[in-house]
């Protein structure tokens, strides 16, 4: 037991150090080269050699790195919760239809002008409008899912209902897309590619507050999560209140997924893959270990993907949604194959 604790402590220390180094590297990268010494000066509260560098680092690169950490952590935690709740390795943070609801809200805002007049076109010009529309869409679907959770006892049925809400949202988006013009469609496609660099400090403070609240809400569910791995009947025999636990998990996942989609767009792969990656590294099923571990791994993975998307010394930035799958998936496949060879 002590050996396992030492191993986990060492793994957490390594991940924490890697996270700090990767965050610094992420801040260093960009279309404008800023020397590492000047970045270190800015981070420690001292002015750099160029005032414009101060503005770039403090108002763009640091918020973007913090956003990547929050998004990666939130998606990793959400994916772990859903895989535990449904006992399905293919479950992810988007299975409840929350992300589809957020996309539906943004689709109404960006694509609805053709059907509902110029009011939507005017609202779309506001800086806060996309995040608000995505939030309203996600909370609408979350409310509908919570109503279903009260009526349904079978956890698998909740998964199916979430997928159905996702299908309905996708169908409405297709209808809106059909009646939209090329410019509106381009706006929606750009949003759906995901972005980490659009948040101001005020928006980032709100984002951080919601992520922190959702995470604290989970602290009461760590023990029930371990019991759920052995099945609902076993969990009930251990005194777990299934309905209450389900509700907490759905609300937490809904809040995390909804706010992440609202502020950063729908980012694929991270929530599905990070829990598997973490279990390979830590070799445990205890959620007391897994929850902070997936948060660290999710943040680290998204920082790395964002660094790749930067295309150093170039003004171009690749879509983060594409990078997460394009570079992340082969790594997970390699780790799974490697582990299988070791076990054989």
Protein backbone atom coordinates (compact mmCIF):
# COMPACT_ATOMS: atom_id res chain seq x y z
CA UNK A 1 0.00 0.00 0.00
CA UNK A 2 2.82 2.36 0.90
CA UNK A 3 4.58 1.46 -2.36
CA UNK A 4 1.42 2.40 -4.32
CA UNK A 5 1.15 5.69 -2.45
CA UNK A 6 4.79 6.52 -3.19
CA UNK A 7 4.27 5.62 -6.86
CA UNK A 8 1.16 7.81 -7.10
CA UNK A 9 2.87 10.69 -5.30
CA UNK A 10 5.81 10.46 -7.71
CA UNK A 11 3.44 10.36 -10.69
CA UNK A 12 1.54 13.42 -9.45
CA UNK A 13 4.82 15.29 -8.87
CA UNK A 14 6.01 14.48 -12.40
CA UNK A 15 2.67 15.50 -13.94
CA UNK A 16 2.64 18.74 -11.94
CA UNK A 17 6.16 19.63 -13.09
CA UNK A 18 5.32 18.76 -16.71
CA UNK A 19 2.20 20.91 -16.47
CA UNK A 20 4.21 23.94 -15.31
CA UNK A 21 6.85 23.46 -18.02
CA UNK A 22 4.22 22.93 -20.72
CA UNK A 23 2.27 26.00 -19.59
CA UNK A 24 5.44 28.11 -19.79
CA UNK A 25 6.23 26.69 -23.25
CA UNK A 26 2.65 27.40 -24.34
CA UNK A 27 2.96 31.04 -23.25
CA UNK A 28 6.30 31.26 -25.09
CA UNK A 29 4.85 30.14 -28.43
CA UNK A 30 3.05 32.46 -30.81
CA UNK A 31 3.29 34.41 -34.04
CA UNK A 32 5.48 37.04 -32.27
CA UNK A 33 8.72 35.75 -30.75
CA UNK A 34 9.21 36.89 -27.16
CA UNK A 35 12.46 35.83 -25.41
CA UNK A 36 12.07 33.42 -22.49
CA UNK A 37 13.79 35.86 -20.12
CA UNK A 38 11.25 38.58 -20.89
CA UNK A 39 8.37 36.15 -20.40
CA UNK A 40 9.83 35.15 -17.02
CA UNK A 41 10.09 38.85 -16.10
CA UNK A 42 6.46 39.48 -17.04
CA UNK A 43 5.28 36.44 -15.06
CA UNK A 44 7.14 37.67 -11.99
CA UNK A 45 5.63 41.16 -12.23
CA UNK A 46 8.53 42.98 -13.88
CA UNK A 47 8.34 44.89 -17.18
CA UNK A 48 9.88 43.43 -20.32
CA UNK A 49 12.05 45.11 -22.94
CA UNK A 50 8.96 45.92 -25.05
CA UNK A 51 5.62 47.15 -23.65
CA UNK A 52 3.71 45.40 -26.43
CA UNK A 53 5.12 42.08 -25.19
CA UNK A 54 3.61 42.77 -21.76
CA UNK A 55 0.20 43.28 -23.35
CA UNK A 56 0.44 40.14 -25.50
CA UNK A 57 1.52 37.91 -22.61
CA UNK A 58 -0.81 39.33 -19.94
CA UNK A 59 -3.95 39.77 -22.05
CA UNK A 60 -3.71 36.98 -24.59
CA UNK A 61 -1.22 34.20 -23.91
CA UNK A 62 -1.73 33.74 -20.16
CA UNK A 63 -5.57 33.74 -20.40
CA UNK A 64 -5.29 31.26 -23.29
CA UNK A 65 -3.04 28.93 -21.28
CA UNK A 66 -5.38 29.12 -18.26
CA UNK A 67 -8.34 28.41 -20.55
CA UNK A 68 -6.55 25.34 -21.95
CA UNK A 69 -5.92 24.07 -18.40
CA UNK A 70 -9.55 24.59 -17.34
CA UNK A 71 -10.99 23.08 -20.53
CA UNK A 72 -8.68 20.06 -20.47
CA UNK A 73 -9.31 19.42 -16.75
CA UNK A 74 -13.07 19.85 -17.07
CA UNK A 75 -13.37 17.56 -20.09
CA UNK A 76 -11.17 14.91 -18.45
CA UNK A 77 -13.26 14.92 -15.26
CA UNK A 78 -16.54 14.87 -17.22
CA UNK A 79 -15.38 11.93 -19.32
CA UNK A 80 -14.38 9.94 -16.22
CA UNK A 81 -17.76 10.62 -14.58
CA UNK A 82 -19.72 9.47 -17.60
CA UNK A 83 -17.62 6.33 -18.12
CA UNK A 84 -18.13 5.42 -14.45
CA UNK A 85 -21.85 6.25 -14.36
CA UNK A 86 -22.67 4.27 -17.50
CA UNK A 87 -19.85 1.71 -17.07
CA UNK A 88 -19.10 2.26 -20.74
CA UNK A 89 -15.52 2.95 -21.95
CA UNK A 90 -16.89 4.81 -25.00
CA UNK A 91 -18.91 7.29 -22.94
CA UNK A 92 -17.67 10.87 -22.92
CA UNK A 93 -18.71 14.29 -21.66
CA UNK A 94 -21.02 14.82 -24.64
CA UNK A 95 -23.23 11.71 -24.29
CA UNK A 96 -25.94 13.59 -22.38
CA UNK A 97 -26.57 15.90 -25.32
CA UNK A 98 -25.39 18.98 -23.38
CA UNK A 99 -22.80 19.94 -26.00
CA UNK A 100 -25.38 19.44 -28.75
CA UNK A 101 -27.71 21.76 -26.85
CA UNK A 102 -24.96 24.39 -26.70
CA UNK A 103 -24.38 23.99 -30.44
CA UNK A 104 -28.13 24.36 -30.99
CA UNK A 105 -28.15 27.64 -29.07
CA UNK A 106 -25.28 28.99 -31.16
CA UNK A 107 -26.95 27.73 -34.34
CA UNK A 108 -30.13 29.68 -33.50
CA UNK A 109 -28.02 32.79 -32.94
CA UNK A 110 -25.78 32.55 -36.01
CA UNK A 111 -28.07 30.73 -38.44
CA UNK A 112 -31.49 31.91 -37.24
CA UNK A 113 -31.46 35.29 -39.00
CA UNK A 114 -32.69 33.68 -42.23
CA UNK A 115 -35.79 32.31 -40.51
CA UNK A 116 -36.42 34.71 -37.63
CA UNK A 117 -35.39 38.09 -39.00
CA UNK A 118 -32.64 40.56 -38.23
CA UNK A 119 -32.93 40.43 -34.43
CA UNK A 120 -30.61 37.42 -34.30
CA UNK A 121 -28.18 39.08 -36.71
CA UNK A 122 -27.94 42.09 -34.39
CA UNK A 123 -27.42 39.95 -31.30
CA UNK A 124 -24.68 37.93 -33.03
CA UNK A 125 -22.54 41.08 -33.27
CA UNK A 126 -22.26 41.33 -29.45
CA UNK A 127 -19.07 39.90 -27.91
CA UNK A 128 -20.96 37.96 -25.21
CA UNK A 129 -23.77 36.68 -27.41
CA UNK A 130 -22.25 33.34 -28.51
CA UNK A 131 -21.30 32.28 -24.98
CA UNK A 132 -24.77 33.27 -23.72
CA UNK A 133 -26.56 31.43 -26.54
CA UNK A 134 -24.46 28.29 -25.97
CA UNK A 135 -25.13 28.46 -22.22
CA UNK A 136 -28.88 28.80 -22.71
CA UNK A 137 -28.91 25.88 -25.14
CA UNK A 138 -26.88 23.64 -22.84
CA UNK A 139 -28.97 24.48 -19.75
CA UNK A 140 -32.19 23.83 -21.69
CA UNK A 141 -31.01 20.31 -22.57
CA UNK A 142 -29.60 19.81 -19.05
CA UNK A 143 -33.00 20.70 -17.57
CA UNK A 144 -34.72 18.24 -19.90
CA UNK A 145 -32.23 15.49 -18.98
CA UNK A 146 -32.75 16.15 -15.25
CA UNK A 147 -36.51 15.80 -15.70
CA UNK A 148 -35.93 12.44 -17.39
CA UNK A 149 -33.54 11.34 -14.63
CA UNK A 150 -36.36 11.75 -12.10
CA UNK A 151 -38.62 9.43 -14.09
CA UNK A 152 -36.14 6.74 -15.17
CA UNK A 153 -34.48 4.24 -12.87
CA UNK A 154 -32.28 2.52 -15.45
CA UNK A 155 -28.96 4.32 -15.99
CA UNK A 156 -28.59 2.92 -19.52
CA UNK A 157 -31.90 4.54 -20.47
CA UNK A 158 -30.50 7.93 -19.42
CA UNK A 159 -27.62 7.38 -21.85
CA UNK A 160 -30.07 6.61 -24.66
CA UNK A 161 -32.18 9.68 -23.80
CA UNK A 162 -29.05 11.88 -23.89
CA UNK A 163 -28.14 10.52 -27.31
CA UNK A 164 -31.70 11.21 -28.51
CA UNK A 165 -31.50 14.82 -27.34
CA UNK A 166 -28.23 15.07 -29.26
CA UNK A 167 -29.91 13.69 -32.39
CA UNK A 168 -32.82 16.14 -32.09
CA UNK A 169 -30.41 19.07 -31.67
CA UNK A 170 -28.38 17.92 -34.69
CA UNK A 171 -31.56 17.66 -36.78
CA UNK A 172 -32.65 21.21 -35.90
CA UNK A 173 -29.14 22.49 -36.68
CA UNK A 174 -29.33 20.80 -40.09
CA UNK A 175 -32.65 22.52 -40.81
CA UNK A 176 -31.24 25.91 -39.79
CA UNK A 177 -28.13 25.26 -41.92
CA UNK A 178 -30.29 24.48 -44.95
CA UNK A 179 -31.94 27.93 -44.82
CA UNK A 180 -28.75 29.86 -44.02
CA UNK A 181 -26.40 31.69 -46.35
CA UNK A 182 -22.70 30.99 -46.86
CA UNK A 183 -21.50 33.70 -44.45
CA UNK A 184 -23.70 32.45 -41.60
CA UNK A 185 -22.59 28.87 -42.19
CA UNK A 186 -18.93 29.93 -42.18
CA UNK A 187 -19.39 31.66 -38.80
CA UNK A 188 -20.97 28.54 -37.31
CA UNK A 189 -18.28 26.24 -38.74
CA UNK A 190 -15.51 28.45 -37.30
CA UNK A 191 -17.15 28.32 -33.86
CA UNK A 192 -17.54 24.53 -34.07
CA UNK A 193 -13.77 24.16 -34.67
CA UNK A 194 -13.13 25.34 -31.10
CA UNK A 195 -10.95 28.16 -29.80
CA UNK A 196 -9.02 28.79 -26.58
CA UNK A 197 -7.86 32.35 -27.20
CA UNK A 198 -11.03 34.45 -27.14
CA UNK A 199 -11.59 34.99 -23.40
CA UNK A 200 -11.05 38.23 -21.52
CA UNK A 201 -10.07 38.21 -17.83
CA UNK A 202 -13.71 38.88 -16.80
CA UNK A 203 -14.99 35.97 -18.89
CA UNK A 204 -12.16 33.79 -17.58
CA UNK A 205 -13.12 34.62 -13.97
CA UNK A 206 -16.73 33.52 -14.63
CA UNK A 207 -15.50 30.40 -16.41
CA UNK A 208 -13.17 29.52 -13.53
CA UNK A 209 -15.95 30.03 -10.96
CA UNK A 210 -18.35 27.64 -12.71
CA UNK A 211 -15.66 24.98 -13.20
CA UNK A 212 -14.64 25.28 -9.53
CA UNK A 213 -18.27 25.01 -8.34
CA UNK A 214 -18.88 21.92 -10.49
CA UNK A 215 -15.70 20.28 -9.21
CA UNK A 216 -16.52 20.99 -5.54
CA UNK A 217 -19.97 19.50 -6.11
CA UNK A 218 -18.26 16.22 -7.03
CA UNK A 219 -16.35 15.86 -3.78
CA UNK A 220 -19.39 14.30 -2.08
CA UNK A 221 -19.61 11.64 -4.81
CA UNK A 222 -16.12 10.12 -4.70
CA UNK A 223 -17.09 7.08 -2.61
CA UNK A 224 -20.32 6.39 -4.57
CA UNK A 225 -18.27 6.52 -7.79
CA UNK A 226 -16.03 3.68 -6.59
CA UNK A 227 -19.14 1.62 -5.71
CA UNK A 228 -20.77 2.25 -9.11
CA UNK A 229 -17.89 0.49 -10.84
CA UNK A 230 -19.19 -2.80 -9.43
CA UNK A 231 -22.77 -2.20 -10.57
CA UNK A 232 -25.86 -0.41 -9.33
CA UNK A 233 -27.10 -3.34 -7.23
CA UNK A 234 -23.78 -3.49 -5.37
CA UNK A 235 -23.80 0.28 -4.90
CA UNK A 236 -27.29 0.16 -3.42
CA UNK A 237 -26.27 -2.63 -1.07
CA UNK A 238 -23.45 -0.36 0.13
CA UNK A 239 -25.96 2.35 0.99
CA UNK A 240 -25.46 4.58 -2.06
CA UNK A 241 -28.46 6.78 -2.89
CA UNK A 242 -28.54 6.11 -6.64
CA UNK A 243 -30.99 8.83 -7.66
CA UNK A 244 -29.16 11.51 -5.71
CA UNK A 245 -25.77 10.35 -7.00
CA UNK A 246 -27.02 10.26 -10.60
CA UNK A 247 -28.45 13.76 -10.24
CA UNK A 248 -25.19 15.16 -8.85
CA UNK A 249 -23.14 13.51 -11.61
CA UNK A 250 -25.48 14.73 -14.35
CA UNK A 251 -25.54 18.30 -12.96
CA UNK A 252 -21.75 18.41 -12.55
CA UNK A 253 -21.10 17.00 -16.01
CA UNK A 254 -23.77 19.24 -17.52
CA UNK A 255 -22.29 22.38 -15.96
CA UNK A 256 -18.73 21.48 -16.96
CA UNK A 257 -19.61 20.46 -20.52
CA UNK A 258 -22.01 23.35 -21.01
CA UNK A 259 -19.66 26.10 -19.84
CA UNK A 260 -16.69 24.61 -21.72
CA UNK A 261 -18.69 24.42 -24.96
CA UNK A 262 -20.03 27.93 -24.39
CA UNK A 263 -16.61 29.54 -23.90
CA UNK A 264 -14.31 27.32 -26.00
CA UNK A 265 -16.59 25.53 -28.47
CA UNK A 266 -17.10 21.76 -28.81
CA UNK A 267 -13.67 20.16 -28.31
CA UNK A 268 -13.60 16.45 -29.13
CA UNK A 269 -11.50 13.48 -27.99
CA UNK A 270 -10.11 14.86 -24.71
CA UNK A 271 -12.98 13.73 -22.48
CA UNK A 272 -13.09 10.30 -24.08
CA UNK A 273 -9.37 9.52 -24.11
CA UNK A 274 -7.92 11.17 -20.99
CA UNK A 275 -9.60 8.78 -18.48
CA UNK A 276 -8.16 5.77 -20.35
CA UNK A 277 -4.75 7.44 -20.55
CA UNK A 278 -4.84 8.16 -16.81
CA UNK A 279 -5.82 4.61 -15.89
CA UNK A 280 -2.88 3.32 -17.94
CA UNK A 281 -0.48 5.60 -16.05
CA UNK A 282 -1.81 5.17 -12.51
CA UNK A 283 -3.15 1.60 -12.76
CA UNK A 284 -5.93 2.19 -10.20
CA UNK A 285 -9.72 2.40 -10.09
CA UNK A 286 -9.91 4.67 -7.02
CA UNK A 287 -11.59 7.95 -7.94
CA UNK A 288 -9.75 9.70 -5.11
CA UNK A 289 -6.66 9.20 -7.30
CA UNK A 290 -8.30 9.32 -10.73
CA UNK A 291 -10.20 12.61 -10.40
CA UNK A 292 -7.15 14.84 -9.76
CA UNK A 293 -5.11 12.70 -12.17
CA UNK A 294 -7.51 13.14 -15.10
CA UNK A 295 -7.62 16.88 -14.33
CA UNK A 296 -3.83 17.09 -14.62
CA UNK A 297 -3.62 14.85 -17.69
CA UNK A 298 -6.46 16.67 -19.45
CA UNK A 299 -4.83 20.05 -18.84
CA UNK A 300 -1.44 18.74 -19.97
CA UNK A 301 -2.85 17.16 -23.14
CA UNK A 302 -4.74 20.27 -24.19
CA UNK A 303 -1.74 22.52 -23.56
CA UNK A 304 0.38 20.25 -25.77
CA UNK A 305 -2.30 20.20 -28.50
CA UNK A 306 -2.62 24.00 -28.31
CA UNK A 307 1.17 24.35 -28.62
CA UNK A 308 1.07 22.16 -31.75
CA UNK A 309 -1.81 24.25 -33.14
CA UNK A 310 0.25 27.45 -32.73
CA UNK A 311 2.57 26.62 -35.67
CA UNK A 312 5.60 28.43 -34.14
CA UNK A 313 6.84 31.54 -35.99
CA UNK A 314 3.69 31.55 -38.12
CA UNK A 315 0.61 33.75 -38.02
CA UNK A 316 -1.59 30.72 -38.72
CA UNK A 317 -3.29 28.79 -35.93
CA UNK A 318 -4.78 25.37 -36.63
CA UNK A 319 -8.22 24.45 -35.21
CA UNK A 320 -7.77 23.00 -31.71
CA UNK A 321 -10.65 20.58 -32.29
CA UNK A 322 -8.75 18.94 -35.14
CA UNK A 323 -5.41 18.80 -33.30
CA UNK A 324 -6.84 17.04 -30.23
CA UNK A 325 -7.97 14.08 -32.33
CA UNK A 326 -5.26 14.12 -34.99
CA UNK A 327 -2.33 14.01 -32.57
CA UNK A 328 -3.96 12.65 -29.43
CA UNK A 329 -5.65 9.53 -30.77
CA UNK A 330 -2.47 7.82 -32.10
CA UNK A 331 -0.79 8.35 -28.70
CA UNK A 332 -3.62 6.58 -26.87
CA UNK A 333 -3.66 3.75 -29.45
CA UNK A 334 0.10 3.30 -29.01
CA UNK A 335 -0.22 3.21 -25.21
CA UNK A 336 -3.03 0.63 -25.36
CA UNK A 337 -1.04 -1.60 -27.73
CA UNK A 338 2.08 -1.21 -25.59
CA UNK A 339 0.21 -2.17 -22.42
CA UNK A 340 -1.29 -5.20 -24.17
CA UNK A 341 2.19 -6.37 -25.21
CA UNK A 342 3.48 -5.94 -21.65
CA UNK A 343 0.55 -7.95 -20.21
CA UNK A 344 1.15 -10.74 -22.73
